[in-house]
Every structure is written in C-alpha cells, then in structure tokens.
C-alpha cells in the first residue's frame, strides 16, 4: 500500500517490538540508499493482532491480499505489482502451533 503495509509473521525469539525496531531502522536506511534521500517516515507504534487458529489465519491472509482491491488501487490482485502473490518463492511457509 502507498501509505502502510501488512505483515503476517511470527514474532520470533526476540519479540515483535524488537523486530519492528530493526525492520523500521534497516528499511529506512535501505530506502534512503536506493532512492538517494530519506523518504521513509514510519509512524510511531504499530497495530498487532495475535492469530489464534487456522480460520483467523486464513481470514488475515485474505484481508492482506485483497487490501489493494478494497482501497480501489486495482480491480484484480494480479494487477498489484507489490503483492506477495507475485513472489511465492520469497515467502517462508507459515506454520502456526496452537496450544
């Protein structure tokens, strides 16, 4: 999305806060190097939601994949060039273990 992004992920050993700090820092640096200026301005904080079952995971994936359509940037997800549907080889398989 032009003004926000969605990420479905496991928070890992260091936790979500540590990941977000690292992600924002490194992506800002990489974009500045790529574009020649500091154009990346991250908002403070983030919204997170814990996924508790397979149905919720499925719904979250559909929400993320269809967001460009909902915002009327494209009529079909195949037309959104930044969608992960174009890069399945770069996506780690998502396994969720439920207690």
PDB file of N, CA and C in Angstrom:
ATOM      1  N   UNK A   1       0.846  -1.165   0.000  1.00  0.00           N
ATOM      2  CA  UNK A   1       0.000   0.000   0.000  1.00  0.00           C
ATOM      3  C   UNK A   1       0.902   1.242   0.000  1.00  0.00           C
ATOM      4  N   UNK A   2       0.455   2.314  -0.582  1.00  0.00           N
ATOM      5  CA  UNK A   2       1.303   3.508  -0.636  1.00  0.00           C
ATOM      6  C   UNK A   2       1.623   4.108   0.737  1.00  0.00           C
ATOM      7  N   UNK A   3       0.723   3.942   1.690  1.00  0.00           N
ATOM      8  CA  UNK A   3       0.942   4.600   2.976  1.00  0.00           C
ATOM      9  C   UNK A   3       0.973   3.659   4.177  1.00  0.00           C
ATOM     10  N   UNK A   4       0.896   2.366   3.939  1.00  0.00           N
ATOM     11  CA  UNK A   4       1.006   1.405   5.036  1.00  0.00           C
ATOM     12  C   UNK A   4       1.295   0.013   4.482  1.00  0.00           C
ATOM     13  N   UNK A   5       1.627  -0.900   5.377  1.00  0.00           N
ATOM     14  CA  UNK A   5       1.889  -2.271   4.950  1.00  0.00           C
ATOM     15  C   UNK A   5       1.292  -3.240   5.962  1.00  0.00           C
ATOM     16  N   UNK A   6       1.108  -4.441   5.518  1.00  0.00           N
ATOM     17  CA  UNK A   6       0.632  -5.521   6.371  1.00  0.00           C
ATOM     18  C   UNK A   6       1.665  -6.633   6.342  1.00  0.00           C
ATOM     19  N   UNK A   7       1.961  -7.188   7.505  1.00  0.00           N
ATOM     20  CA  UNK A   7       2.905  -8.290   7.600  1.00  0.00           C
ATOM     21  C   UNK A   7       2.290  -9.361   8.485  1.00  0.00           C
ATOM     22  N   UNK A   8       2.233 -10.577   7.989  1.00  0.00           N
ATOM     23  CA  UNK A   8       1.826 -11.719   8.808  1.00  0.00           C
ATOM     24  C   UNK A   8       3.090 -12.461   9.163  1.00  0.00           C
ATOM     25  N   UNK A   9       3.356 -12.584  10.448  1.00  0.00           N
ATOM     26  CA  UNK A   9       4.628 -13.148  10.862  1.00  0.00           C
ATOM     27  C   UNK A   9       4.546 -13.721  12.263  1.00  0.00           C
ATOM     28  N   UNK A  10       5.537 -14.508  12.571  1.00  0.00           N
ATOM     29  CA  UNK A  10       5.743 -14.963  13.939  1.00  0.00           C
ATOM     30  C   UNK A  10       6.720 -13.979  14.572  1.00  0.00           C
ATOM     31  N   UNK A  11       6.489 -13.621  15.817  1.00  0.00           N
ATOM     32  CA  UNK A  11       7.323 -12.601  16.453  1.00  0.00           C
ATOM     33  C   UNK A  11       8.735 -13.084  16.749  1.00  0.00           C
ATOM     34  N   UNK A  12       8.970 -14.376  16.742  1.00  0.00           N
ATOM     35  CA  UNK A  12      10.309 -14.898  16.947  1.00  0.00           C
ATOM     36  C   UNK A  12      10.768 -14.808  18.386  1.00  0.00           C
ATOM     37  N   UNK A  13      12.021 -15.180  18.581  1.00  0.00           N
ATOM     38  CA  UNK A  13      12.580 -15.257  19.938  1.00  0.00           C
ATOM     39  C   UNK A  13      12.684 -13.904  20.625  1.00  0.00           C
ATOM     40  N   UNK A  14      13.023 -12.861  19.881  1.00  0.00           N
ATOM     41  CA  UNK A  14      13.241 -11.545  20.486  1.00  0.00           C
ATOM     42  C   UNK A  14      11.961 -10.729  20.617  1.00  0.00           C
ATOM     43  N   UNK A  15      10.879 -11.182  20.011  1.00  0.00           N
ATOM     44  CA  UNK A  15       9.600 -10.495  20.157  1.00  0.00           C
ATOM     45  C   UNK A  15       9.311  -9.501  19.045  1.00  0.00           C
ATOM     46  N   UNK A  16       8.070  -9.096  18.999  1.00  0.00           N
ATOM     47  CA  UNK A  16       7.584  -8.220  17.948  1.00  0.00           C
ATOM     48  C   UNK A  16       8.204  -6.827  18.019  1.00  0.00           C
ATOM     49  N   UNK A  17       8.328  -6.270  19.205  1.00  0.00           N
ATOM     50  CA  UNK A  17       8.883  -4.932  19.353  1.00  0.00           C
ATOM     51  C   UNK A  17      10.304  -4.866  18.796  1.00  0.00           C
ATOM     52  N   UNK A  18      11.112  -5.860  19.102  1.00  0.00           N
ATOM     53  CA  UNK A  18      12.483  -5.905  18.606  1.00  0.00           C
ATOM     54  C   UNK A  18      12.501  -6.022  17.079  1.00  0.00           C
ATOM     55  N   UNK A  19      11.628  -6.856  16.533  1.00  0.00           N
ATOM     56  CA  UNK A  19      11.550  -6.999  15.078  1.00  0.00           C
ATOM     57  C   UNK A  19      11.173  -5.672  14.429  1.00  0.00           C
ATOM     58  N   UNK A  20      10.131  -5.015  14.943  1.00  0.00           N
ATOM     59  CA  UNK A  20       9.664  -3.765  14.337  1.00  0.00           C
ATOM     60  C   UNK A  20      10.752  -2.688  14.384  1.00  0.00           C
ATOM     61  N   UNK A  21      11.457  -2.591  15.494  1.00  0.00           N
ATOM     62  CA  UNK A  21      12.542  -1.615  15.599  1.00  0.00           C
ATOM     63  C   UNK A  21      13.593  -1.880  14.514  1.00  0.00           C
ATOM     64  N   UNK A  22      14.016  -3.117  14.393  1.00  0.00           N
ATOM     65  CA  UNK A  22      15.023  -3.487  13.405  1.00  0.00           C
ATOM     66  C   UNK A  22      14.507  -3.276  11.985  1.00  0.00           C
ATOM     67  N   UNK A  23      13.274  -3.678  11.733  1.00  0.00           N
ATOM     68  CA  UNK A  23      12.687  -3.537  10.399  1.00  0.00           C
ATOM     69  C   UNK A  23      12.623  -2.073   9.972  1.00  0.00           C
ATOM     70  N   UNK A  24      12.119  -1.218  10.849  1.00  0.00           N
ATOM     71  CA  UNK A  24      11.999   0.200  10.509  1.00  0.00           C
ATOM     72  C   UNK A  24      13.371   0.839  10.286  1.00  0.00           C
ATOM     73  N   UNK A  25      14.304   0.525  11.151  1.00  0.00           N
ATOM     74  CA  UNK A  25      15.651   1.088  11.037  1.00  0.00           C
ATOM     75  C   UNK A  25      16.321   0.660   9.728  1.00  0.00           C
ATOM     76  N   UNK A  26      16.311  -0.641   9.456  1.00  0.00           N
ATOM     77  CA  UNK A  26      17.002  -1.157   8.274  1.00  0.00           C
ATOM     78  C   UNK A  26      16.305  -0.795   6.968  1.00  0.00           C
ATOM     79  N   UNK A  27      14.988  -0.842   6.944  1.00  0.00           N
ATOM     80  CA  UNK A  27      14.287  -0.497   5.706  1.00  0.00           C
ATOM     81  C   UNK A  27      14.418   0.989   5.404  1.00  0.00           C
ATOM     82  N   UNK A  28      14.420   1.841   6.436  1.00  0.00           N
ATOM     83  CA  UNK A  28      14.623   3.276   6.215  1.00  0.00           C
ATOM     84  C   UNK A  28      15.989   3.533   5.598  1.00  0.00           C
ATOM     85  N   UNK A  29      17.005   2.889   6.138  1.00  0.00           N
ATOM     86  CA  UNK A  29      18.363   3.035   5.606  1.00  0.00           C
ATOM     87  C   UNK A  29      18.440   2.527   4.168  1.00  0.00           C
ATOM     88  N   UNK A  30      17.871   1.346   3.916  1.00  0.00           N
ATOM     89  CA  UNK A  30      17.941   0.767   2.574  1.00  0.00           C
ATOM     90  C   UNK A  30      17.201   1.621   1.550  1.00  0.00           C
ATOM     91  N   UNK A  31      16.037   2.150   1.926  1.00  0.00           N
ATOM     92  CA  UNK A  31      15.292   3.015   1.000  1.00  0.00           C
ATOM     93  C   UNK A  31      16.038   4.319   0.738  1.00  0.00           C
ATOM     94  N   UNK A  32      16.650   4.875   1.763  1.00  0.00           N
ATOM     95  CA  UNK A  32      17.431   6.104   1.572  1.00  0.00           C
ATOM     96  C   UNK A  32      18.591   5.844   0.626  1.00  0.00           C
ATOM     97  N   UNK A  33      19.266   4.707   0.770  1.00  0.00           N
ATOM     98  CA  UNK A  33      20.366   4.362  -0.134  1.00  0.00           C
ATOM     99  C   UNK A  33      19.871   4.130  -1.553  1.00  0.00           C
ATOM    100  N   UNK A  34      18.742   3.496  -1.687  1.00  0.00           N
ATOM    101  CA  UNK A  34      18.186   3.187  -3.005  1.00  0.00           C
ATOM    102  C   UNK A  34      17.669   4.436  -3.712  1.00  0.00           C
ATOM    103  N   UNK A  35      16.971   5.282  -2.982  1.00  0.00           N
ATOM    104  CA  UNK A  35      16.321   6.440  -3.587  1.00  0.00           C
ATOM    105  C   UNK A  35      17.125   7.732  -3.459  1.00  0.00           C
ATOM    106  N   UNK A  36      18.185   7.675  -2.679  1.00  0.00           N
ATOM    107  CA  UNK A  36      19.036   8.848  -2.553  1.00  0.00           C
ATOM    108  C   UNK A  36      18.532   9.908  -1.594  1.00  0.00           C
ATOM    109  N   UNK A  37      17.499   9.598  -0.846  1.00  0.00           N
ATOM    110  CA  UNK A  37      17.001  10.556   0.145  1.00  0.00           C
ATOM    111  C   UNK A  37      16.268   9.797   1.234  1.00  0.00           C
ATOM    112  N   UNK A  38      16.002  10.475   2.300  1.00  0.00           N
ATOM    113  CA  UNK A  38      15.300   9.851   3.428  1.00  0.00           C
ATOM    114  C   UNK A  38      13.796  10.070   3.274  1.00  0.00           C
ATOM    115  N   UNK A  39      13.153   9.247   2.445  1.00  0.00           N
ATOM    116  CA  UNK A  39      11.730   9.412   2.162  1.00  0.00           C
ATOM    117  C   UNK A  39      10.839   8.561   3.052  1.00  0.00           C
ATOM    118  N   UNK A  40      11.420   7.656   3.774  1.00  0.00           N
ATOM    119  CA  UNK A  40      10.631   6.736   4.593  1.00  0.00           C
ATOM    120  C   UNK A  40      10.371   7.351   5.964  1.00  0.00           C
ATOM    121  N   UNK A  41       9.116   7.578   6.284  1.00  0.00           N
ATOM    122  CA  UNK A  41       8.723   8.121   7.580  1.00  0.00           C
ATOM    123  C   UNK A  41       7.779   7.134   8.245  1.00  0.00           C
ATOM    124  N   UNK A  42       8.265   6.447   9.238  1.00  0.00           N
ATOM    125  CA  UNK A  42       7.450   5.453   9.919  1.00  0.00           C
ATOM    126  C   UNK A  42       6.621   6.109  11.016  1.00  0.00           C
ATOM    127  N   UNK A  43       5.385   5.650  11.133  1.00  0.00           N
ATOM    128  CA  UNK A  43       4.562   6.117  12.248  1.00  0.00           C
ATOM    129  C   UNK A  43       5.082   5.506  13.538  1.00  0.00           C
ATOM    130  N   UNK A  44       4.764   6.138  14.636  1.00  0.00           N
ATOM    131  CA  UNK A  44       5.134   5.570  15.928  1.00  0.00           C
ATOM    132  C   UNK A  44       4.181   4.431  16.235  1.00  0.00           C
ATOM    133  N   UNK A  45       4.741   3.350  16.715  1.00  0.00           N
ATOM    134  CA  UNK A  45       3.924   2.208  17.081  1.00  0.00           C
ATOM    135  C   UNK A  45       3.475   1.386  15.884  1.00  0.00           C
ATOM    136  N   UNK A  46       2.592   0.462  16.147  1.00  0.00           N
ATOM    137  CA  UNK A  46       2.050  -0.432  15.134  1.00  0.00           C
ATOM    138  C   UNK A  46       0.836  -1.124  15.737  1.00  0.00           C
ATOM    139  N   UNK A  47       0.039  -1.709  14.889  1.00  0.00           N
ATOM    140  CA  UNK A  47      -1.112  -2.482  15.348  1.00  0.00           C
ATOM    141  C   UNK A  47      -0.759  -3.951  15.204  1.00  0.00           C
ATOM    142  N   UNK A  48      -1.013  -4.719  16.237  1.00  0.00           N
ATOM    143  CA  UNK A  48      -0.762  -6.150  16.121  1.00  0.00           C
ATOM    144  C   UNK A  48      -1.987  -6.912  16.602  1.00  0.00           C
ATOM    145  N   UNK A  49      -2.102  -8.106  16.084  1.00  0.00           N
ATOM    146  CA  UNK A  49      -3.211  -8.984  16.449  1.00  0.00           C
ATOM    147  C   UNK A  49      -2.672 -10.407  16.493  1.00  0.00           C
ATOM    148  N   UNK A  50      -2.927 -11.084  17.581  1.00  0.00           N
ATOM    149  CA  UNK A  50      -2.479 -12.468  17.703  1.00  0.00           C
ATOM    150  C   UNK A  50      -3.452 -13.383  16.969  1.00  0.00           C
ATOM    151  N   UNK A  51      -2.903 -14.229  16.129  1.00  0.00           N
ATOM    152  CA  UNK A  51      -3.722 -15.187  15.385  1.00  0.00           C
ATOM    153  C   UNK A  51      -3.809 -16.459  16.205  1.00  0.00           C
ATOM    154  N   UNK A  52      -5.036 -16.882  16.451  1.00  0.00           N
ATOM    155  CA  UNK A  52      -5.228 -17.995  17.385  1.00  0.00           C
ATOM    156  C   UNK A  52      -5.685 -19.300  16.749  1.00  0.00           C
ATOM    157  N   UNK A  53      -6.076 -19.276  15.482  1.00  0.00           N
ATOM    158  CA  UNK A  53      -6.488 -20.528  14.846  1.00  0.00           C
ATOM    159  C   UNK A  53      -6.364 -20.418  13.327  1.00  0.00           C
ATOM    160  N   UNK A  54      -6.559 -21.524  12.646  1.00  0.00           N
ATOM    161  CA  UNK A  54      -6.395 -21.585  11.188  1.00  0.00           C
ATOM    162  C   UNK A  54      -7.397 -20.704  10.455  1.00  0.00           C
ATOM    163  N   UNK A  55      -8.604 -20.618  10.956  1.00  0.00           N
ATOM    164  CA  UNK A  55      -9.617 -19.773  10.301  1.00  0.00           C
ATOM    165  C   UNK A  55      -9.220 -18.294  10.376  1.00  0.00           C
ATOM    166  N   UNK A  56      -8.742 -17.869  11.520  1.00  0.00           N
ATOM    167  CA  UNK A  56      -8.308 -16.484  11.675  1.00  0.00           C
ATOM    168  C   UNK A  56      -7.099 -16.202  10.773  1.00  0.00           C
ATOM    169  N   UNK A  57      -6.184 -17.156  10.682  1.00  0.00           N
ATOM    170  CA  UNK A  57      -5.026 -17.006   9.789  1.00  0.00           C
ATOM    171  C   UNK A  57      -5.489 -16.874   8.341  1.00  0.00           C
ATOM    172  N   UNK A  58      -6.404 -17.716   7.919  1.00  0.00           N
ATOM    173  CA  UNK A  58      -6.934 -17.662   6.554  1.00  0.00           C
ATOM    174  C   UNK A  58      -7.585 -16.301   6.281  1.00  0.00           C
ATOM    175  N   UNK A  59      -8.394 -15.827   7.223  1.00  0.00           N
ATOM    176  CA  UNK A  59      -9.061 -14.532   7.063  1.00  0.00           C
ATOM    177  C   UNK A  59      -8.053 -13.385   7.010  1.00  0.00           C
ATOM    178  N   UNK A  60      -7.001 -13.468   7.817  1.00  0.00           N
ATOM    179  CA  UNK A  60      -5.966 -12.434   7.808  1.00  0.00           C
ATOM    180  C   UNK A  60      -5.242 -12.410   6.457  1.00  0.00           C
ATOM    181  N   UNK A  61      -4.935 -13.577   5.918  1.00  0.00           N
ATOM    182  CA  UNK A  61      -4.287 -13.644   4.602  1.00  0.00           C
ATOM    183  C   UNK A  61      -5.169 -13.045   3.515  1.00  0.00           C
ATOM    184  N   UNK A  62      -6.451 -13.366   3.545  1.00  0.00           N
ATOM    185  CA  UNK A  62      -7.383 -12.798   2.561  1.00  0.00           C
ATOM    186  C   UNK A  62      -7.469 -11.282   2.700  1.00  0.00           C
ATOM    187  N   UNK A  63      -7.525 -10.812   3.937  1.00  0.00           N
ATOM    188  CA  UNK A  63      -7.588  -9.365   4.178  1.00  0.00           C
ATOM    189  C   UNK A  63      -6.369  -8.666   3.578  1.00  0.00           C
ATOM    190  N   UNK A  64      -5.190  -9.199   3.870  1.00  0.00           N
ATOM    191  CA  UNK A  64      -3.959  -8.589   3.375  1.00  0.00           C
ATOM    192  C   UNK A  64      -3.902  -8.646   1.853  1.00  0.00           C
ATOM    193  N   UNK A  65      -4.198  -9.786   1.284  1.00  0.00           N
ATOM    194  CA  UNK A  65      -4.111  -9.939  -0.165  1.00  0.00           C
ATOM    195  C   UNK A  65      -5.111  -9.051  -0.903  1.00  0.00           C
ATOM    196  N   UNK A  66      -6.272  -8.819  -0.319  1.00  0.00           N
ATOM    197  CA  UNK A  66      -7.311  -8.050  -1.012  1.00  0.00           C
ATOM    198  C   UNK A  66      -7.329  -6.571  -0.640  1.00  0.00           C
ATOM    199  N   UNK A  67      -6.420  -6.120   0.196  1.00  0.00           N
ATOM    200  CA  UNK A  67      -6.406  -4.729   0.622  1.00  0.00           C
ATOM    201  C   UNK A  67      -6.285  -3.741  -0.545  1.00  0.00           C
ATOM    202  N   UNK A  68      -5.418  -3.976  -1.537  1.00  0.00           N
ATOM    203  CA  UNK A  68      -5.350  -3.030  -2.668  1.00  0.00           C
ATOM    204  C   UNK A  68      -6.663  -2.941  -3.447  1.00  0.00           C
ATOM    205  N   UNK A  69      -7.403  -4.021  -3.487  1.00  0.00           N
ATOM    206  CA  UNK A  69      -8.703  -4.004  -4.162  1.00  0.00           C
ATOM    207  C   UNK A  69      -9.700  -3.190  -3.344  1.00  0.00           C
ATOM    208  N   UNK A  70      -9.732  -3.418  -2.026  1.00  0.00           N
ATOM    209  CA  UNK A  70     -10.637  -2.666  -1.151  1.00  0.00           C
ATOM    210  C   UNK A  70     -10.408  -1.161  -1.240  1.00  0.00           C
ATOM    211  N   UNK A  71      -9.134  -0.771  -1.384  1.00  0.00           N
ATOM    212  CA  UNK A  71      -8.796   0.651  -1.469  1.00  0.00           C
ATOM    213  C   UNK A  71      -8.882   1.178  -2.903  1.00  0.00           C
ATOM    214  N   UNK A  72      -9.348   0.330  -3.820  1.00  0.00           N
ATOM    215  CA  UNK A  72      -9.589   0.685  -5.225  1.00  0.00           C
ATOM    216  C   UNK A  72      -8.336   1.132  -5.971  1.00  0.00           C
ATOM    217  N   UNK A  73      -7.188   0.517  -5.604  1.00  0.00           N
ATOM    218  CA  UNK A  73      -5.969   0.755  -6.378  1.00  0.00           C
ATOM    219  C   UNK A  73      -5.952  -0.111  -7.630  1.00  0.00           C
ATOM    220  N   UNK A  74      -6.539  -1.294  -7.535  1.00  0.00           N
ATOM    221  CA  UNK A  74      -6.642  -2.214  -8.662  1.00  0.00           C
ATOM    222  C   UNK A  74      -7.974  -2.945  -8.567  1.00  0.00           C
ATOM    223  N   UNK A  75      -8.377  -3.549  -9.683  1.00  0.00           N
ATOM    224  CA  UNK A  75      -9.608  -4.342  -9.676  1.00  0.00           C
ATOM    225  C   UNK A  75      -9.327  -5.815  -9.433  1.00  0.00           C
ATOM    226  N   UNK A  76      -8.100  -6.251  -9.738  1.00  0.00           N
ATOM    227  CA  UNK A  76      -7.694  -7.638  -9.529  1.00  0.00           C
ATOM    228  C   UNK A  76      -6.329  -7.642  -8.856  1.00  0.00           C
ATOM    229  N   UNK A  77      -6.127  -8.565  -7.926  1.00  0.00           N
ATOM    230  CA  UNK A  77      -4.877  -8.589  -7.164  1.00  0.00           C
ATOM    231  C   UNK A  77      -3.665  -8.830  -8.057  1.00  0.00           C
ATOM    232  N   UNK A  78      -3.847  -9.521  -9.171  1.00  0.00           N
ATOM    233  CA  UNK A  78      -2.736  -9.749 -10.091  1.00  0.00           C
ATOM    234  C   UNK A  78      -2.180  -8.448 -10.670  1.00  0.00           C
ATOM    235  N   UNK A  79      -2.962  -7.398 -10.635  1.00  0.00           N
ATOM    236  CA  UNK A  79      -2.529  -6.098 -11.161  1.00  0.00           C
ATOM    237  C   UNK A  79      -1.721  -5.296 -10.138  1.00  0.00           C
ATOM    238  N   UNK A  80      -1.730  -5.708  -8.857  1.00  0.00           N
ATOM    239  CA  UNK A  80      -0.964  -5.005  -7.821  1.00  0.00           C
ATOM    240  C   UNK A  80       0.444  -5.579  -7.794  1.00  0.00           C
ATOM    241  N   UNK A  81       1.390  -4.864  -8.364  1.00  0.00           N
ATOM    242  CA  UNK A  81       2.730  -5.414  -8.593  1.00  0.00           C
ATOM    243  C   UNK A  81       3.510  -5.705  -7.325  1.00  0.00           C
ATOM    244  N   UNK A  82       3.115  -5.133  -6.183  1.00  0.00           N
ATOM    245  CA  UNK A  82       3.858  -5.344  -4.936  1.00  0.00           C
ATOM    246  C   UNK A  82       3.266  -6.449  -4.080  1.00  0.00           C
ATOM    247  N   UNK A  83       2.233  -7.099  -4.573  1.00  0.00           N
ATOM    248  CA  UNK A  83       1.583  -8.157  -3.803  1.00  0.00           C
ATOM    249  C   UNK A  83       2.485  -9.373  -3.656  1.00  0.00           C
ATOM    250  N   UNK A  84       2.405 -10.009  -2.504  1.00  0.00           N
ATOM    251  CA  UNK A  84       3.190 -11.234  -2.273  1.00  0.00           C
ATOM    252  C   UNK A  84       2.734 -12.374  -3.178  1.00  0.00           C
ATOM    253  N   UNK A  85       1.570 -12.261  -3.802  1.00  0.00           N
ATOM    254  CA  UNK A  85       1.141 -13.326  -4.711  1.00  0.00           C
ATOM    255  C   UNK A  85       2.093 -13.460  -5.899  1.00  0.00           C
ATOM    256  N   UNK A  86       2.860 -12.416  -6.185  1.00  0.00           N
ATOM    257  CA  UNK A  86       3.831 -12.459  -7.280  1.00  0.00           C
ATOM    258  C   UNK A  86       5.175 -13.051  -6.857  1.00  0.00           C
ATOM    259  N   UNK A  87       5.380 -13.239  -5.552  1.00  0.00           N
ATOM    260  CA  UNK A  87       6.673 -13.677  -5.046  1.00  0.00           C
ATOM    261  C   UNK A  87       6.556 -14.862  -4.091  1.00  0.00           C
ATOM    262  N   UNK A  88       5.837 -15.901  -4.460  1.00  0.00           N
ATOM    263  CA  UNK A  88       5.643 -17.012  -3.526  1.00  0.00           C
ATOM    264  C   UNK A  88       6.964 -17.681  -3.127  1.00  0.00           C
ATOM    265  N   UNK A  89       7.957 -17.621  -3.983  1.00  0.00           N
ATOM    266  CA  UNK A  89       9.256 -18.235  -3.681  1.00  0.00           C
ATOM    267  C   UNK A  89      10.017 -17.485  -2.586  1.00  0.00           C
ATOM    268  N   UNK A  90       9.605 -16.267  -2.265  1.00  0.00           N
ATOM    269  CA  UNK A  90      10.273 -15.488  -1.224  1.00  0.00           C
ATOM    270  C   UNK A  90       9.574 -15.589   0.131  1.00  0.00           C
ATOM    271  N   UNK A  91       8.459 -16.271   0.172  1.00  0.00           N
ATOM    272  CA  UNK A  91       7.666 -16.344   1.395  1.00  0.00           C
ATOM    273  C   UNK A  91       7.966 -17.642   2.127  1.00  0.00           C
ATOM    274  N   UNK A  92       8.322 -17.502   3.388  1.00  0.00           N
ATOM    275  CA  UNK A  92       8.541 -18.684   4.223  1.00  0.00           C
ATOM    276  C   UNK A  92       7.196 -19.334   4.513  1.00  0.00           C
ATOM    277  N   UNK A  93       7.163 -20.656   4.558  1.00  0.00           N
ATOM    278  CA  UNK A  93       5.912 -21.307   4.925  1.00  0.00           C
ATOM    279  C   UNK A  93       5.529 -20.897   6.347  1.00  0.00           C
ATOM    280  N   UNK A  94       4.252 -20.664   6.552  1.00  0.00           N
ATOM    281  CA  UNK A  94       3.791 -20.209   7.857  1.00  0.00           C
ATOM    282  C   UNK A  94       3.134 -21.379   8.593  1.00  0.00           C
ATOM    283  N   UNK A  95       3.806 -21.821   9.603  1.00  0.00           N
ATOM    284  CA  UNK A  95       3.242 -22.860  10.443  1.00  0.00           C
ATOM    285  C   UNK A  95       2.858 -22.241  11.774  1.00  0.00           C
ATOM    286  N   UNK A  96       1.650 -22.481  12.194  1.00  0.00           N
ATOM    287  CA  UNK A  96       1.178 -21.944  13.460  1.00  0.00           C
ATOM    288  C   UNK A  96       0.845 -23.104  14.361  1.00  0.00           C
ATOM    289  N   UNK A  97       1.440 -23.108  15.525  1.00  0.00           N
ATOM    290  CA  UNK A  97       1.175 -24.142  16.514  1.00  0.00           C
ATOM    291  C   UNK A  97       0.231 -23.571  17.571  1.00  0.00           C
ATOM    292  N   UNK A  98      -0.846 -24.249  17.795  1.00  0.00           N
ATOM    293  CA  UNK A  98      -1.819 -23.786  18.774  1.00  0.00           C
ATOM    294  C   UNK A  98      -1.778 -24.703  19.987  1.00  0.00           C
ATOM    295  N   UNK A  99      -1.766 -24.072  21.150  1.00  0.00           N
ATOM    296  CA  UNK A  99      -1.759 -24.847  22.389  1.00  0.00           C
ATOM    297  C   UNK A  99      -3.158 -25.332  22.735  1.00  0.00           C
TER     298      UNK A  99
END
